[in-house]
Amino acid sequence: MQAPSCHRLELHDEDATAAIAEAFARRAEPGDVIALAGPLGSGKTVFARAFIRALAPGEEVPSPTFTLVQTYETPRGAVWHFDAYRLTRPEDAVELGLDEALSDGIVLVEWPERIAPLLPDERIDVALSTGGTATSRVAELRIPAAWTARFDEAMRPR
């Protein structure tokens, strides 16, 4: 198995974070898992909302902080958005439908470290952190080999 590739992106503002999320969404397929890590306020929910809206325009996308999971039917299939922040043990995610989501959905997980043992190794890891200004962010990406061609295509200017 080929090793994942790692990339660092400077995101100057919220629009840049949304643009990266939209680029990933345009190439996402059922079975893809995107793990969104980072501290509070780093842009995880901004990324997730932009990703979902790219696949389901006009859809209201609330944060699943209290519901823990939201699902969206899109032309590409179901998108499952998990927020694991309030989970106390990884097994709680199974009760929320994680197994079903992983089998046939596109899965976004905020706070993936809380359910890491249940996530596949072949996933996209997006670690977001604050940048040098109040609105900038840094995205550290780990792209699995199976996603390399799609990632390269996603990063090409439109």
Protein backbone atom coordinates (compact mmCIF):
# COMPACT_ATOMS: atom_id res chain seq x y z
CA MET A 1 0.00 0.00 0.00
CA GLN A 2 1.26 3.45 -0.94
CA ALA A 3 1.87 5.99 1.83
CA PRO A 4 -0.47 8.97 2.13
CA SER A 5 0.74 12.36 0.94
CA CYS A 6 0.89 15.37 3.24
CA HIS A 7 0.17 18.97 2.26
CA ARG A 8 0.05 22.31 4.04
CA LEU A 9 -2.31 25.02 2.80
CA GLU A 10 -2.45 28.63 3.94
CA LEU A 11 -6.10 29.72 3.97
CA HIS A 12 -6.32 33.51 4.13
CA ASP A 13 -9.95 33.73 5.19
CA GLU A 14 -13.20 31.82 5.64
CA ASP A 15 -13.87 31.96 1.89
CA ALA A 16 -10.58 30.13 1.24
CA THR A 17 -11.57 27.43 3.74
CA ALA A 18 -14.93 27.10 2.00
CA ALA A 19 -13.28 26.92 -1.43
CA ILE A 20 -11.09 23.98 -0.36
CA ALA A 21 -14.12 22.20 1.10
CA GLU A 22 -16.08 22.76 -2.12
CA ALA A 23 -13.17 21.39 -4.18
CA PHE A 24 -13.16 18.21 -2.07
CA ALA A 25 -16.95 17.92 -2.33
CA ARG A 26 -16.86 18.05 -6.13
CA ARG A 27 -14.72 14.89 -6.11
CA ALA A 28 -16.23 13.07 -3.14
CA GLU A 29 -17.75 9.63 -3.58
CA PRO A 30 -19.63 7.26 -1.28
CA GLY A 31 -17.10 5.56 0.98
CA ASP A 32 -15.00 8.70 1.45
CA VAL A 33 -14.28 9.78 5.02
CA ILE A 34 -12.99 13.24 5.88
CA ALA A 35 -11.79 13.74 9.46
CA LEU A 36 -11.79 17.40 10.54
CA ALA A 37 -9.53 18.06 13.51
CA GLY A 38 -8.53 21.26 15.26
CA PRO A 39 -9.35 23.40 18.27
CA LEU A 40 -12.61 25.30 18.76
CA GLY A 41 -12.91 28.09 16.21
CA SER A 42 -10.39 26.64 13.77
CA GLY A 43 -12.86 26.25 10.89
CA LYS A 44 -14.09 22.65 11.09
CA THR A 45 -17.75 23.58 10.85
CA VAL A 46 -17.04 26.18 8.14
CA PHE A 47 -15.39 23.41 6.11
CA ALA A 48 -18.23 20.94 6.74
CA ARG A 49 -20.98 23.44 5.87
CA ALA A 50 -19.29 24.49 2.63
CA PHE A 51 -18.72 20.83 1.70
CA ILE A 52 -22.37 19.94 2.27
CA ARG A 53 -23.72 23.05 0.52
CA ALA A 54 -21.56 22.24 -2.52
CA LEU A 55 -23.40 18.91 -2.81
CA ALA A 56 -26.82 20.11 -1.65
CA PRO A 57 -27.20 23.78 -2.67
CA GLY A 58 -29.74 25.69 -0.64
CA GLU A 59 -29.73 23.09 2.13
CA GLU A 60 -29.80 24.48 5.67
CA VAL A 61 -26.72 23.08 7.40
CA PRO A 62 -26.91 23.41 11.18
CA SER A 63 -23.99 22.32 13.32
CA PRO A 64 -24.61 18.82 14.71
CA THR A 65 -23.12 19.80 18.08
CA PHE A 66 -26.33 18.90 19.92
CA THR A 67 -27.86 16.36 17.53
CA LEU A 68 -24.41 14.72 17.14
CA VAL A 69 -25.14 13.67 13.53
CA GLN A 70 -26.97 15.18 10.57
CA THR A 71 -27.58 13.43 7.25
CA TYR A 72 -28.16 15.03 3.87
CA GLU A 73 -29.41 13.36 0.70
CA THR A 74 -27.44 14.61 -2.30
CA PRO A 75 -27.12 13.55 -5.94
CA ARG A 76 -23.87 11.79 -4.93
CA GLY A 77 -25.51 9.88 -2.08
CA ALA A 78 -25.96 10.47 1.61
CA VAL A 79 -23.58 12.81 3.41
CA TRP A 80 -23.24 12.09 7.12
CA HIS A 81 -21.91 14.92 9.31
CA PHE A 82 -20.82 13.76 12.76
CA ASP A 83 -19.74 16.04 15.59
CA ALA A 84 -18.03 13.76 18.12
CA TYR A 85 -17.14 16.53 20.60
CA ARG A 86 -19.70 15.44 23.19
CA LEU A 87 -19.19 11.69 22.81
CA THR A 88 -17.67 10.05 25.85
CA ARG A 89 -16.62 6.79 24.19
CA PRO A 90 -16.04 5.77 20.56
CA GLU A 91 -18.81 3.14 20.70
CA ASP A 92 -21.37 5.94 21.05
CA ALA A 93 -20.77 6.76 17.37
CA VAL A 94 -21.94 3.27 16.40
CA GLU A 95 -25.28 3.97 18.08
CA LEU A 96 -25.53 7.10 15.91
CA GLY A 97 -25.20 5.10 12.69
CA LEU A 98 -21.47 5.30 12.02
CA ASP A 99 -21.30 1.77 10.61
CA GLU A 100 -24.08 2.52 8.11
CA ALA A 101 -22.48 5.84 7.20
CA LEU A 102 -19.10 4.21 6.57
CA SER A 103 -20.63 1.47 4.43
CA ASP A 104 -22.36 3.64 1.85
CA GLY A 105 -22.11 7.33 2.67
CA ILE A 106 -19.77 10.26 2.41
CA VAL A 107 -18.69 10.92 5.99
CA LEU A 108 -17.48 14.14 7.62
CA VAL A 109 -16.32 13.86 11.23
CA GLU A 110 -15.55 16.81 13.48
CA TRP A 111 -13.43 15.89 16.53
CA PRO A 112 -12.33 12.57 14.96
CA GLU A 113 -9.88 11.86 17.76
CA ARG A 114 -12.88 10.96 19.95
CA ILE A 115 -13.82 8.04 17.69
CA ALA A 116 -10.46 7.34 16.03
CA PRO A 117 -10.46 3.56 16.64
CA LEU A 118 -13.64 3.28 14.55
CA LEU A 119 -12.46 5.31 11.56
CA PRO A 120 -10.81 3.71 8.55
CA ASP A 121 -7.10 4.26 7.95
CA GLU A 122 -7.90 5.20 4.34
CA ARG A 123 -9.40 8.60 5.07
CA ILE A 124 -8.61 12.23 4.43
CA ASP A 125 -7.34 14.00 7.52
CA VAL A 126 -7.79 17.78 7.62
CA ALA A 127 -6.16 19.39 10.66
CA LEU A 128 -7.12 23.05 10.89
CA SER A 129 -5.44 25.66 13.05
CA THR A 130 -5.48 29.42 13.31
CA GLY A 131 -3.07 31.29 11.11
CA GLY A 132 -1.16 34.54 11.53
CA THR A 133 -4.25 36.78 11.37
CA ALA A 134 -7.69 36.69 12.99
CA THR A 135 -9.28 35.27 9.82
CA SER A 136 -6.52 33.05 8.43
CA ARG A 137 -6.24 29.32 8.93
CA VAL A 138 -3.70 26.62 8.16
CA ALA A 139 -4.85 23.25 6.84
CA GLU A 140 -2.55 20.25 7.26
CA LEU A 141 -3.84 17.55 4.92
CA ARG A 142 -3.12 13.83 4.89
CA ILE A 143 -4.39 12.40 1.61
CA PRO A 144 -4.60 8.62 1.16
CA ALA A 145 -2.96 7.21 -1.97
CA ALA A 146 -6.34 6.19 -3.38
CA TRP A 147 -7.38 9.86 -3.33
CA THR A 148 -4.18 11.31 -4.86
CA ALA A 149 -5.51 11.83 -8.39
CA ARG A 150 -8.75 13.37 -7.10
CA PHE A 151 -6.78 15.65 -4.76
CA ASP A 152 -4.51 16.81 -7.58
CA GLU A 153 -7.58 17.55 -9.69
CA ALA A 154 -9.28 19.36 -6.81
CA MET A 155 -6.29 21.64 -6.29
CA ARG A 156 -6.10 22.76 -9.93
CA PRO A 157 -7.36 26.31 -10.41
CA ARG A 158 -10.82 26.43 -11.93
